[in-house]
Amino acid sequence: MATARVLIVGLDSHALPGIDVEAVDRGLAYGLERVRVAGYLVEQLLVPLDESAPDQIKQAVVSQAWDVVVIGGGIRKPEPLLEFFEAVVNLVHTRVPAAKIAFNADGGTSLEAVQRVLS
């Protein structure tokens, strides 16, 4: 399934206080390029941590028939974001029930997340 369509959803580092934006952006670009080089059709959506995020995610997940939606570690890991993470997972599951849902540890490990769920 080398032509699988992949959507990576993460947080916009520019909207987060106390983050090394350049380092995060380098990691996200590296991870995105790895997925592309592996032959997947990939898009990335980086959302701010505000009330606009769910609508942005809804629009993205229904824009195409995704085979995999990767939910980034920035959304999944911090305990204060548990409710947001839960909402994102349920939104993806509801809007694109045929898509596999994967989780990366950070922007650089999206390829491994995609390969895990497609194997």
C-alpha atoms as a PDB file:
ATOM      1  CA  MET A   1       0.000   0.000   0.000  1.00  0.00           C
ATOM      2  CA  ALA A   2       2.808   2.392  -0.938  1.00  0.00           C
ATOM      3  CA  THR A   3       0.370   4.983  -2.288  1.00  0.00           C
ATOM      4  CA  ALA A   4      -1.633   5.256   0.916  1.00  0.00           C
ATOM      5  CA  ARG A   5      -2.943   8.718   1.767  1.00  0.00           C
ATOM      6  CA  VAL A   6      -1.654   9.917   5.136  1.00  0.00           C
ATOM      7  CA  LEU A   7      -2.727  12.925   7.194  1.00  0.00           C
ATOM      8  CA  ILE A   8      -0.492  13.959  10.081  1.00  0.00           C
ATOM      9  CA  VAL A   9      -2.224  16.132  12.690  1.00  0.00           C
ATOM     10  CA  GLY A  10      -0.131  18.031  15.202  1.00  0.00           C
ATOM     11  CA  LEU A  11       0.124  21.226  17.155  1.00  0.00           C
ATOM     12  CA  ASP A  12       1.435  24.420  15.613  1.00  0.00           C
ATOM     13  CA  SER A  13       4.651  25.059  17.521  1.00  0.00           C
ATOM     14  CA  HIS A  14       4.372  28.782  16.768  1.00  0.00           C
ATOM     15  CA  ALA A  15       1.252  28.910  18.944  1.00  0.00           C
ATOM     16  CA  LEU A  16       2.827  27.251  21.985  1.00  0.00           C
ATOM     17  CA  PRO A  17       4.757  29.138  24.660  1.00  0.00           C
ATOM     18  CA  GLY A  18       8.165  27.913  25.777  1.00  0.00           C
ATOM     19  CA  ILE A  19       8.809  25.754  22.725  1.00  0.00           C
ATOM     20  CA  ASP A  20      11.986  25.739  20.638  1.00  0.00           C
ATOM     21  CA  VAL A  21      10.062  26.483  17.442  1.00  0.00           C
ATOM     22  CA  GLU A  22      13.033  25.993  15.106  1.00  0.00           C
ATOM     23  CA  ALA A  23      13.868  22.581  16.561  1.00  0.00           C
ATOM     24  CA  VAL A  24      10.254  21.427  16.436  1.00  0.00           C
ATOM     25  CA  ASP A  25       9.839  22.674  12.865  1.00  0.00           C
ATOM     26  CA  ARG A  26      13.022  20.867  11.788  1.00  0.00           C
ATOM     27  CA  GLY A  27      11.726  17.646  13.344  1.00  0.00           C
ATOM     28  CA  LEU A  28       8.333  18.006  11.667  1.00  0.00           C
ATOM     29  CA  ALA A  29       9.893  18.708   8.257  1.00  0.00           C
ATOM     30  CA  TYR A  30      12.257  15.740   8.674  1.00  0.00           C
ATOM     31  CA  GLY A  31       9.398  13.414   9.596  1.00  0.00           C
ATOM     32  CA  LEU A  32       7.180  14.630   6.765  1.00  0.00           C
ATOM     33  CA  GLU A  33       9.964  14.156   4.222  1.00  0.00           C
ATOM     34  CA  ARG A  34      10.623  10.613   5.489  1.00  0.00           C
ATOM     35  CA  VAL A  35       6.977   9.697   4.901  1.00  0.00           C
ATOM     36  CA  ARG A  36       7.077  11.220   1.388  1.00  0.00           C
ATOM     37  CA  VAL A  37      10.322   9.457   0.479  1.00  0.00           C
ATOM     38  CA  ALA A  38       8.788   6.166   1.599  1.00  0.00           C
ATOM     39  CA  GLY A  39       6.200   6.659  -1.142  1.00  0.00           C
ATOM     40  CA  TYR A  40       3.147   7.797   0.790  1.00  0.00           C
ATOM     41  CA  LEU A  41       0.939  10.701  -0.243  1.00  0.00           C
ATOM     42  CA  VAL A  42       1.141  12.818   2.887  1.00  0.00           C
ATOM     43  CA  GLU A  43      -0.215  16.091   4.175  1.00  0.00           C
ATOM     44  CA  GLN A  44       0.376  17.719   7.523  1.00  0.00           C
ATOM     45  CA  LEU A  45      -2.057  19.844   9.506  1.00  0.00           C
ATOM     46  CA  LEU A  46      -0.646  21.869  12.384  1.00  0.00           C
ATOM     47  CA  VAL A  47      -3.344  23.448  14.528  1.00  0.00           C
ATOM     48  CA  PRO A  48      -3.222  26.063  17.263  1.00  0.00           C
ATOM     49  CA  LEU A  49      -4.332  24.980  20.686  1.00  0.00           C
ATOM     50  CA  ASP A  50      -7.550  26.988  20.638  1.00  0.00           C
ATOM     51  CA  GLU A  51     -11.234  26.705  19.763  1.00  0.00           C
ATOM     52  CA  SER A  52     -10.487  26.711  16.014  1.00  0.00           C
ATOM     53  CA  ALA A  53      -8.569  23.410  16.138  1.00  0.00           C
ATOM     54  CA  PRO A  54     -11.546  20.994  16.008  1.00  0.00           C
ATOM     55  CA  ASP A  55     -13.027  22.734  12.960  1.00  0.00           C
ATOM     56  CA  GLN A  56      -9.663  22.730  11.183  1.00  0.00           C
ATOM     57  CA  ILE A  57      -9.260  19.025  11.903  1.00  0.00           C
ATOM     58  CA  LYS A  58     -12.820  18.246  10.758  1.00  0.00           C
ATOM     59  CA  GLN A  59     -12.228  20.062   7.464  1.00  0.00           C
ATOM     60  CA  ALA A  60      -8.955  18.232   6.892  1.00  0.00           C
ATOM     61  CA  VAL A  61     -10.190  14.733   7.684  1.00  0.00           C
ATOM     62  CA  VAL A  62     -13.186  14.989   5.355  1.00  0.00           C
ATOM     63  CA  SER A  63     -11.206  16.635   2.523  1.00  0.00           C
ATOM     64  CA  GLN A  64      -9.907  13.294   1.208  1.00  0.00           C
ATOM     65  CA  ALA A  65     -10.239   9.567   1.744  1.00  0.00           C
ATOM     66  CA  TRP A  66      -7.368   9.079   4.205  1.00  0.00           C
ATOM     67  CA  ASP A  67      -5.900   5.630   4.753  1.00  0.00           C
ATOM     68  CA  VAL A  68      -4.047   6.700   7.889  1.00  0.00           C
ATOM     69  CA  VAL A  69      -4.407   9.642  10.240  1.00  0.00           C
ATOM     70  CA  VAL A  70      -1.392  10.126  12.503  1.00  0.00           C
ATOM     71  CA  ILE A  71      -2.078  12.042  15.712  1.00  0.00           C
ATOM     72  CA  GLY A  72       1.108  13.662  16.914  1.00  0.00           C
ATOM     73  CA  GLY A  73       2.809  13.239  20.246  1.00  0.00           C
ATOM     74  CA  GLY A  74       2.324  16.926  21.038  1.00  0.00           C
ATOM     75  CA  ILE A  75      -1.410  16.273  21.173  1.00  0.00           C
ATOM     76  CA  ARG A  76      -1.199  12.840  22.764  1.00  0.00           C
ATOM     77  CA  LYS A  77       1.471  13.129  25.433  1.00  0.00           C
ATOM     78  CA  PRO A  78       0.842  16.105  27.721  1.00  0.00           C
ATOM     79  CA  GLU A  79      -1.645  15.099  30.408  1.00  0.00           C
ATOM     80  CA  PRO A  80      -3.282  18.554  30.442  1.00  0.00           C
ATOM     81  CA  LEU A  81      -4.304  17.893  26.809  1.00  0.00           C
ATOM     82  CA  LEU A  82      -6.074  14.617  27.596  1.00  0.00           C
ATOM     83  CA  GLU A  83      -9.546  15.970  26.773  1.00  0.00           C
ATOM     84  CA  PHE A  84      -8.276  17.575  23.563  1.00  0.00           C
ATOM     85  CA  PHE A  85      -6.552  14.324  22.557  1.00  0.00           C
ATOM     86  CA  GLU A  86      -9.738  12.386  23.285  1.00  0.00           C
ATOM     87  CA  ALA A  87     -11.769  14.831  21.166  1.00  0.00           C
ATOM     88  CA  VAL A  88      -9.309  14.540  18.258  1.00  0.00           C
ATOM     89  CA  VAL A  89      -9.365  10.721  18.321  1.00  0.00           C
ATOM     90  CA  ASN A  90     -13.162  10.634  18.408  1.00  0.00           C
ATOM     91  CA  LEU A  91     -13.421  13.255  15.673  1.00  0.00           C
ATOM     92  CA  VAL A  92     -11.124  11.252  13.388  1.00  0.00           C
ATOM     93  CA  HIS A  93     -12.881   7.984  14.209  1.00  0.00           C
ATOM     94  CA  THR A  94     -16.309   9.491  13.516  1.00  0.00           C
ATOM     95  CA  ARG A  95     -15.424  11.416  10.344  1.00  0.00           C
ATOM     96  CA  VAL A  96     -13.171   8.835   8.664  1.00  0.00           C
ATOM     97  CA  PRO A  97     -14.076   5.464  10.193  1.00  0.00           C
ATOM     98  CA  ALA A  98     -12.222   3.515   7.491  1.00  0.00           C
ATOM     99  CA  ALA A  99      -8.905   5.228   8.240  1.00  0.00           C
ATOM    100  CA  LYS A 100      -6.360   3.631  10.498  1.00  0.00           C
ATOM    101  CA  ILE A 101      -5.396   5.849  13.428  1.00  0.00           C
ATOM    102  CA  ALA A 102      -1.723   5.972  14.321  1.00  0.00           C
ATOM    103  CA  PHE A 103       0.280   7.805  16.974  1.00  0.00           C
ATOM    104  CA  ASN A 104       3.806   9.101  16.666  1.00  0.00           C
ATOM    105  CA  ALA A 105       6.224   9.820  19.474  1.00  0.00           C
ATOM    106  CA  ASP A 106       7.374  13.026  17.784  1.00  0.00           C
ATOM    107  CA  GLY A 107       7.429  14.545  14.305  1.00  0.00           C
ATOM    108  CA  GLY A 108      10.349  12.375  13.262  1.00  0.00           C
ATOM    109  CA  THR A 109       8.577   9.066  13.897  1.00  0.00           C
ATOM    110  CA  SER A 110       5.497   9.474  11.709  1.00  0.00           C
ATOM    111  CA  LEU A 111       6.808   6.983   9.140  1.00  0.00           C
ATOM    112  CA  GLU A 112       7.100   4.250  11.758  1.00  0.00           C
ATOM    113  CA  ALA A 113       3.559   5.034  12.958  1.00  0.00           C
ATOM    114  CA  VAL A 114       2.194   4.729   9.413  1.00  0.00           C
ATOM    115  CA  GLN A 115       4.073   1.497   8.742  1.00  0.00           C
ATOM    116  CA  ARG A 116       2.855  -0.045  12.029  1.00  0.00           C
ATOM    117  CA  VAL A 117      -0.817   0.391  11.204  1.00  0.00           C
ATOM    118  CA  LEU A 118      -0.506  -0.569   7.528  1.00  0.00           C
ATOM    119  CA  SER A 119       1.471  -3.772   8.108  1.00  0.00           C
END
